[in-house]
Amino acid sequence: MASSGFDGRVAVVTGSGGGLGREHALLLASLGACVVVNDLGGDVHGEGTSIGPAAEVVDEIRRRGGEAVADTHSVATEAGGKAIIDTAIEAFGRVDIVVNNAGILRDKSFQNMSAEFVDPVLDVHLKGAFFVTRPAWVLMREQGYGRVVNTSSSAGIFGNFGQANYGAAKMGLVGLTHVLALEGARHNIHVNAIAPVARTRMTEEVLGPLVEIVDPRFVSPLVAWLCHEDCVTTGHIYTVGGGRIARLFIGMTSGWARSDGVLDIDDVRDHFDEIEDPTTYSIPGLGLTDDLTALRDALSSPA
């Protein structure tokens, strides 16, 4: 087993019975981490349960000389999230890393989307990250160390037809990432997000010709680095897939402002091109400080 700073670290990877999560679990274990392989064992829609997928990944890790335990609790409830972290504590005595990867799909055009399509997706993706991370967070604060990686998606950041539920959940994870990065900074807890492009059972039908070149195992090195004790980055989002990694960020145009702070609809109409112009932009830092600074600066410069 290779070692790269993960010896003695304990990682919880949700949805790791297959696809991306499986690759994350295998790589972290190969680098020396003890891994909780969490997977409900259901289908792509979140229905059904089975110990099989999680147990198979655990067996594979152990055959390679690593340490892992299986967990089949659902991330979609507060009790389930706590139970997953309890599994880590009972098996390994601590939690250092949480990779929120579990997900389901229930696609439908917006006009045909009802609560039965919305609630389960929000429960697994967004609430699941809350429910698993929260009990781990308490432990991470106490030990003064932690790494969290949330799995967002381009469907949330850029949008995708028929995925209003999924996109809303995935963009919600971006907001959660930013807030937790702020709150975790003083406790040496770093929180980042990825928006992966990879061949999994959730994506293989929509990837077209890309399906052969976006092997999920080539997403995991980024996840491992973001989980590493030497990685000081926090609050960032990365797109990763097909051997390419790039940072994604929310930018703010220079915009236009009246020095007296008073706007009317004619002002908006007359200056809309300046408001929209992306030629010059800034990347706000975490929190409201940069946005408030930009407002203050704009108001000090007469329009």
Protein backbone atom coordinates (compact mmCIF):
# COMPACT_ATOMS: atom_id res chain seq x y z
CA MET A 1 0.00 0.00 0.00
CA ALA A 2 1.35 3.44 -0.92
CA SER A 3 1.38 6.18 1.68
CA SER A 4 0.74 9.83 0.91
CA GLY A 5 -0.24 11.46 4.17
CA PHE A 6 -3.39 9.41 4.77
CA ASP A 7 -1.98 6.93 7.27
CA GLY A 8 -4.21 7.00 10.35
CA ARG A 9 -6.85 9.12 8.61
CA VAL A 10 -10.43 7.89 8.51
CA ALA A 11 -12.59 8.66 5.48
CA VAL A 12 -16.34 8.31 5.03
CA VAL A 13 -17.36 8.08 1.38
CA THR A 14 -21.10 8.01 0.71
CA GLY A 15 -22.54 6.25 -2.30
CA SER A 16 -19.28 4.33 -2.69
CA GLY A 17 -20.67 0.94 -3.71
CA GLY A 18 -20.05 1.82 -7.36
CA GLY A 19 -19.16 4.55 -9.82
CA LEU A 20 -17.31 7.61 -8.59
CA GLY A 21 -17.67 6.77 -4.91
CA ARG A 22 -16.12 3.36 -5.40
CA GLU A 23 -13.09 4.90 -7.08
CA HIS A 24 -12.73 7.49 -4.32
CA ALA A 25 -12.86 4.77 -1.68
CA LEU A 26 -10.35 2.54 -3.47
CA LEU A 27 -7.87 5.36 -3.99
CA LEU A 28 -8.09 6.73 -0.45
CA ALA A 29 -7.64 3.23 0.93
CA SER A 30 -4.63 2.62 -1.34
CA LEU A 31 -3.07 5.80 0.07
CA GLY A 32 -3.42 4.56 3.63
CA ALA A 33 -6.80 5.84 4.81
CA CYS A 34 -9.27 3.66 6.68
CA VAL A 35 -12.53 3.90 4.74
CA VAL A 36 -16.21 3.61 5.58
CA VAL A 37 -17.82 2.43 2.35
CA ASN A 38 -21.38 3.71 2.61
CA ASP A 39 -23.98 2.63 0.07
CA LEU A 40 -27.68 1.96 0.44
CA GLY A 41 -27.46 -0.55 -2.37
CA GLY A 42 -30.50 0.81 -4.19
CA ASP A 43 -31.08 1.56 -7.85
CA VAL A 44 -30.36 4.83 -9.64
CA HIS A 45 -33.74 6.18 -8.48
CA GLY A 46 -32.95 5.45 -4.83
CA GLU A 47 -35.25 2.45 -4.54
CA GLY A 48 -34.30 -0.84 -2.89
CA THR A 49 -31.47 -1.79 -0.52
CA SER A 50 -28.63 -4.29 -0.56
CA ILE A 51 -25.41 -4.85 1.38
CA GLY A 52 -23.85 -6.23 -1.81
CA PRO A 53 -22.29 -3.14 -3.42
CA ALA A 54 -20.69 -1.79 -0.23
CA ALA A 55 -19.50 -5.23 0.85
CA GLU A 56 -17.90 -5.89 -2.55
CA VAL A 57 -15.89 -2.66 -2.38
CA VAL A 58 -14.80 -3.45 1.19
CA ASP A 59 -13.66 -6.90 0.08
CA GLU A 60 -11.68 -5.36 -2.77
CA ILE A 61 -9.98 -2.89 -0.44
CA ARG A 62 -9.09 -5.64 2.02
CA ARG A 63 -7.71 -7.88 -0.74
CA ARG A 64 -5.38 -5.03 -1.63
CA GLY A 65 -4.22 -4.74 1.97
CA GLY A 66 -6.35 -1.80 3.05
CA GLU A 67 -8.80 -1.25 5.89
CA ALA A 68 -12.49 -0.65 5.31
CA VAL A 69 -15.95 -1.38 6.68
CA ALA A 70 -19.32 -1.40 4.93
CA ASP A 71 -22.29 0.73 5.90
CA THR A 72 -25.77 0.67 4.34
CA HIS A 73 -27.55 3.47 6.20
CA SER A 74 -29.39 6.08 4.15
CA VAL A 75 -27.91 9.58 3.97
CA ALA A 76 -31.43 10.98 3.47
CA THR A 77 -32.34 11.15 7.17
CA GLU A 78 -30.73 12.74 10.19
CA ALA A 79 -30.69 9.35 11.95
CA GLY A 80 -29.06 7.75 8.94
CA GLY A 81 -26.35 10.39 8.73
CA LYS A 82 -25.49 9.95 12.40
CA ALA A 83 -25.44 6.18 12.02
CA ILE A 84 -22.92 6.44 9.18
CA ILE A 85 -20.56 8.51 11.32
CA ASP A 86 -21.16 6.16 14.26
CA THR A 87 -19.98 3.31 12.02
CA ALA A 88 -16.70 5.16 11.49
CA ILE A 89 -16.25 5.82 15.20
CA GLU A 90 -17.03 2.24 16.17
CA ALA A 91 -14.65 0.82 13.56
CA PHE A 92 -11.79 3.32 13.60
CA GLY A 93 -12.30 5.76 16.49
CA ARG A 94 -12.37 9.02 14.52
CA VAL A 95 -13.44 10.79 11.32
CA ASP A 96 -11.09 13.01 9.32
CA ILE A 97 -12.62 13.05 5.85
CA VAL A 98 -16.16 13.13 4.48
CA VAL A 99 -16.80 12.76 0.76
CA ASN A 100 -20.48 13.45 0.04
CA ASN A 101 -21.00 11.49 -3.15
CA ALA A 102 -24.33 9.66 -2.75
CA GLY A 103 -26.91 10.59 -5.36
CA ILE A 104 -30.03 9.56 -7.25
CA LEU A 105 -31.86 10.77 -10.35
CA ARG A 106 -35.55 11.43 -10.92
CA ASP A 107 -35.57 13.46 -14.11
CA LYS A 108 -38.69 15.09 -15.48
CA SER A 109 -39.48 18.32 -17.32
CA PHE A 110 -40.39 21.09 -14.89
CA GLN A 111 -44.06 21.31 -15.83
CA ASN A 112 -44.44 17.60 -15.07
CA MET A 113 -42.34 17.57 -11.90
CA SER A 114 -44.19 16.80 -8.68
CA ALA A 115 -43.09 16.37 -5.07
CA GLU A 116 -42.35 12.68 -5.63
CA PHE A 117 -39.58 13.77 -8.01
CA VAL A 118 -38.34 16.70 -5.94
CA ASP A 119 -38.25 15.52 -2.33
CA PRO A 120 -36.14 12.35 -2.69
CA VAL A 121 -33.53 14.13 -4.81
CA LEU A 122 -33.18 17.01 -2.35
CA ASP A 123 -33.14 14.51 0.53
CA VAL A 124 -30.26 12.48 -0.87
CA HIS A 125 -28.06 15.13 -2.47
CA LEU A 126 -28.53 18.25 -0.38
CA LYS A 127 -29.97 17.10 2.92
CA GLY A 128 -27.76 14.02 2.75
CA ALA A 129 -24.67 16.22 2.80
CA PHE A 130 -26.09 18.07 5.82
CA PHE A 131 -27.02 14.89 7.67
CA VAL A 132 -23.68 13.14 7.18
CA THR A 133 -21.41 16.15 7.58
CA ARG A 134 -23.07 17.57 10.69
CA PRO A 135 -22.14 14.78 13.15
CA ALA A 136 -18.69 14.53 11.58
CA TRP A 137 -18.29 18.31 11.89
CA VAL A 138 -18.64 18.17 15.66
CA LEU A 139 -15.78 15.67 15.83
CA MET A 140 -13.65 17.59 13.33
CA ARG A 141 -13.96 20.79 15.37
CA GLU A 142 -12.94 18.96 18.52
CA GLN A 143 -9.84 17.47 16.90
CA GLY A 144 -8.95 20.64 15.00
CA TYR A 145 -8.81 18.91 11.64
CA GLY A 146 -11.14 17.87 8.84
CA ARG A 147 -11.62 17.68 5.10
CA VAL A 148 -14.99 17.67 3.31
CA VAL A 149 -15.60 17.26 -0.41
CA ASN A 150 -19.12 17.82 -1.76
CA THR A 151 -20.22 16.54 -5.16
CA SER A 152 -21.95 19.24 -7.16
CA SER A 153 -22.67 19.12 -10.89
CA SER A 154 -22.66 21.22 -14.02
CA ALA A 155 -26.41 20.59 -14.05
CA GLY A 156 -26.65 22.80 -10.98
CA ILE A 157 -24.03 25.38 -11.93
CA PHE A 158 -25.01 25.76 -15.59
CA GLY A 159 -28.39 24.00 -15.78
CA ASN A 160 -29.64 20.98 -17.70
CA PHE A 161 -33.03 20.27 -19.26
CA GLY A 162 -35.27 18.04 -17.18
CA GLN A 163 -33.20 18.33 -14.01
CA ALA A 164 -34.71 21.19 -12.02
CA ASN A 165 -34.73 19.04 -8.88
CA TYR A 166 -31.20 17.72 -9.36
CA GLY A 167 -29.83 21.10 -10.44
CA ALA A 168 -31.33 22.88 -7.44
CA ALA A 169 -29.84 20.29 -5.08
CA LYS A 170 -26.44 20.46 -6.71
CA MET A 171 -26.28 24.26 -6.65
CA GLY A 172 -27.42 24.11 -3.04
CA LEU A 173 -24.27 22.11 -2.35
CA VAL A 174 -22.19 24.99 -3.72
CA GLY A 175 -23.76 27.32 -1.16
CA LEU A 176 -23.22 24.75 1.59
CA THR A 177 -19.58 24.41 0.55
CA HIS A 178 -18.97 28.14 0.79
CA VAL A 179 -20.63 28.48 4.19
CA LEU A 180 -18.82 25.49 5.68
CA ALA A 181 -15.51 26.73 4.30
CA LEU A 182 -16.07 29.97 6.21
CA GLU A 183 -17.13 28.27 9.42
CA GLY A 184 -14.44 25.61 9.26
CA ALA A 185 -11.43 27.83 8.55
CA ARG A 186 -10.48 28.56 12.14
CA HIS A 187 -10.73 24.86 13.00
CA ASN A 188 -8.50 23.61 10.16
CA ILE A 189 -11.51 22.13 8.37
CA HIS A 190 -11.34 22.63 4.62
CA VAL A 191 -14.41 22.21 2.43
CA ASN A 192 -14.44 22.09 -1.37
CA ALA A 193 -16.70 20.84 -4.15
CA ILE A 194 -16.30 19.02 -7.43
CA ALA A 195 -18.49 18.99 -10.53
CA PRO A 196 -17.39 15.73 -12.15
CA VAL A 197 -17.88 14.44 -15.66
CA ALA A 198 -17.64 10.67 -15.47
CA ARG A 199 -19.15 7.45 -16.73
CA THR A 200 -21.46 6.09 -14.06
CA ARG A 201 -24.84 4.36 -14.08
CA MET A 202 -26.42 7.81 -13.64
CA THR A 203 -24.67 9.35 -16.67
CA GLU A 204 -23.83 6.63 -19.20
CA GLU A 205 -27.06 7.21 -21.15
CA VAL A 206 -26.40 10.92 -21.69
CA LEU A 207 -22.65 11.14 -22.30
CA GLY A 208 -22.75 10.06 -25.94
CA PRO A 209 -19.25 9.74 -27.49
CA LEU A 210 -17.65 10.97 -24.26
CA VAL A 211 -18.63 7.79 -22.45
CA GLU A 212 -15.39 6.01 -23.40
CA ILE A 213 -13.00 8.73 -22.22
CA VAL A 214 -14.46 9.81 -18.88
CA ASP A 215 -13.44 6.94 -16.66
CA PRO A 216 -14.54 7.72 -13.08
CA ARG A 217 -11.20 6.66 -11.60
CA PHE A 218 -9.55 9.75 -13.05
CA VAL A 219 -11.79 12.02 -10.98
CA SER A 220 -10.57 10.50 -7.72
CA PRO A 221 -7.03 11.97 -7.68
CA LEU A 222 -8.52 15.46 -7.34
CA VAL A 223 -10.78 14.27 -4.52
CA ALA A 224 -7.81 12.67 -2.78
CA TRP A 225 -5.77 15.87 -3.02
CA LEU A 226 -8.63 17.98 -1.65
CA CYS A 227 -8.80 15.51 1.26
CA HIS A 228 -5.04 15.67 1.92
CA GLU A 229 -3.62 17.40 4.97
CA ASP A 230 -1.23 19.41 2.76
CA CYS A 231 -4.07 20.92 0.68
CA VAL A 232 -4.84 24.37 2.07
CA THR A 233 -7.49 25.29 -0.51
CA THR A 234 -11.01 25.77 0.82
CA GLY A 235 -14.30 27.02 -0.59
CA HIS A 236 -13.45 26.22 -4.21
CA ILE A 237 -15.28 24.29 -6.93
CA TYR A 238 -13.60 22.23 -9.63
CA THR A 239 -14.80 20.65 -12.83
CA VAL A 240 -12.98 17.38 -13.48
CA GLY A 241 -13.24 14.65 -16.08
CA GLY A 242 -11.45 13.09 -19.02
CA GLY A 243 -8.05 14.02 -17.63
CA ARG A 244 -8.88 17.73 -17.28
CA ILE A 245 -9.31 19.77 -14.10
CA ALA A 246 -10.34 23.42 -13.98
CA ARG A 247 -11.54 25.73 -11.25
CA LEU A 248 -15.12 26.97 -11.51
CA PHE A 249 -16.02 30.22 -9.81
CA ILE A 250 -18.75 32.81 -9.47
CA GLY A 251 -17.64 36.12 -10.95
CA MET A 252 -19.03 39.63 -10.64
CA THR A 253 -18.93 42.20 -13.44
CA SER A 254 -17.77 45.72 -12.68
CA GLY A 255 -21.36 46.78 -13.20
CA TRP A 256 -22.73 50.31 -12.93
CA ALA A 257 -23.86 52.36 -9.97
CA ARG A 258 -25.28 55.74 -9.07
CA SER A 259 -23.30 57.54 -6.40
CA ASP A 260 -26.47 58.48 -4.49
CA GLY A 261 -27.59 54.83 -4.31
CA VAL A 262 -30.96 55.65 -5.88
CA LEU A 263 -32.07 53.68 -8.94
CA ASP A 264 -35.11 53.86 -11.17
CA ILE A 265 -36.17 51.65 -14.07
CA ASP A 266 -34.76 54.09 -16.64
CA ASP A 267 -31.31 53.78 -15.03
CA VAL A 268 -31.48 50.02 -15.33
CA ARG A 269 -32.59 50.20 -18.98
CA ASP A 270 -30.02 52.80 -19.99
CA HIS A 271 -27.06 51.06 -18.34
CA PHE A 272 -27.98 47.43 -18.79
CA ASP A 273 -25.16 46.78 -21.25
CA GLU A 274 -22.65 47.99 -18.66
CA ILE A 275 -24.29 45.86 -15.97
CA GLU A 276 -24.03 42.79 -18.23
CA ASP A 277 -20.53 43.47 -19.63
CA PRO A 278 -18.20 40.58 -18.60
CA THR A 279 -15.06 42.28 -19.95
CA THR A 280 -13.93 43.21 -16.46
CA TYR A 281 -14.91 41.15 -13.46
CA SER A 282 -13.81 40.12 -10.02
CA ILE A 283 -14.02 36.86 -8.12
CA PRO A 284 -15.55 37.60 -4.73
CA GLY A 285 -14.00 35.88 -1.75
CA LEU A 286 -15.96 33.87 0.76
CA GLY A 287 -18.67 35.75 2.61
CA LEU A 288 -20.25 39.13 1.96
CA THR A 289 -17.13 41.26 2.47
CA ASP A 290 -16.06 41.55 -1.18
CA ASP A 291 -19.58 42.26 -2.39
CA LEU A 292 -20.05 45.00 0.21
CA THR A 293 -16.62 46.43 -0.65
CA ALA A 294 -17.57 46.58 -4.34
CA LEU A 295 -20.80 48.38 -3.43
CA ARG A 296 -18.95 50.87 -1.24
CA ASP A 297 -16.38 51.54 -3.99
CA ALA A 298 -19.08 51.98 -6.62
CA LEU A 299 -21.00 54.46 -4.49
CA SER A 300 -17.82 56.49 -3.94
CA SER A 301 -17.34 56.88 -7.71
CA PRO A 302 -20.01 59.10 -9.32
CA ALA A 303 -21.84 57.50 -12.24
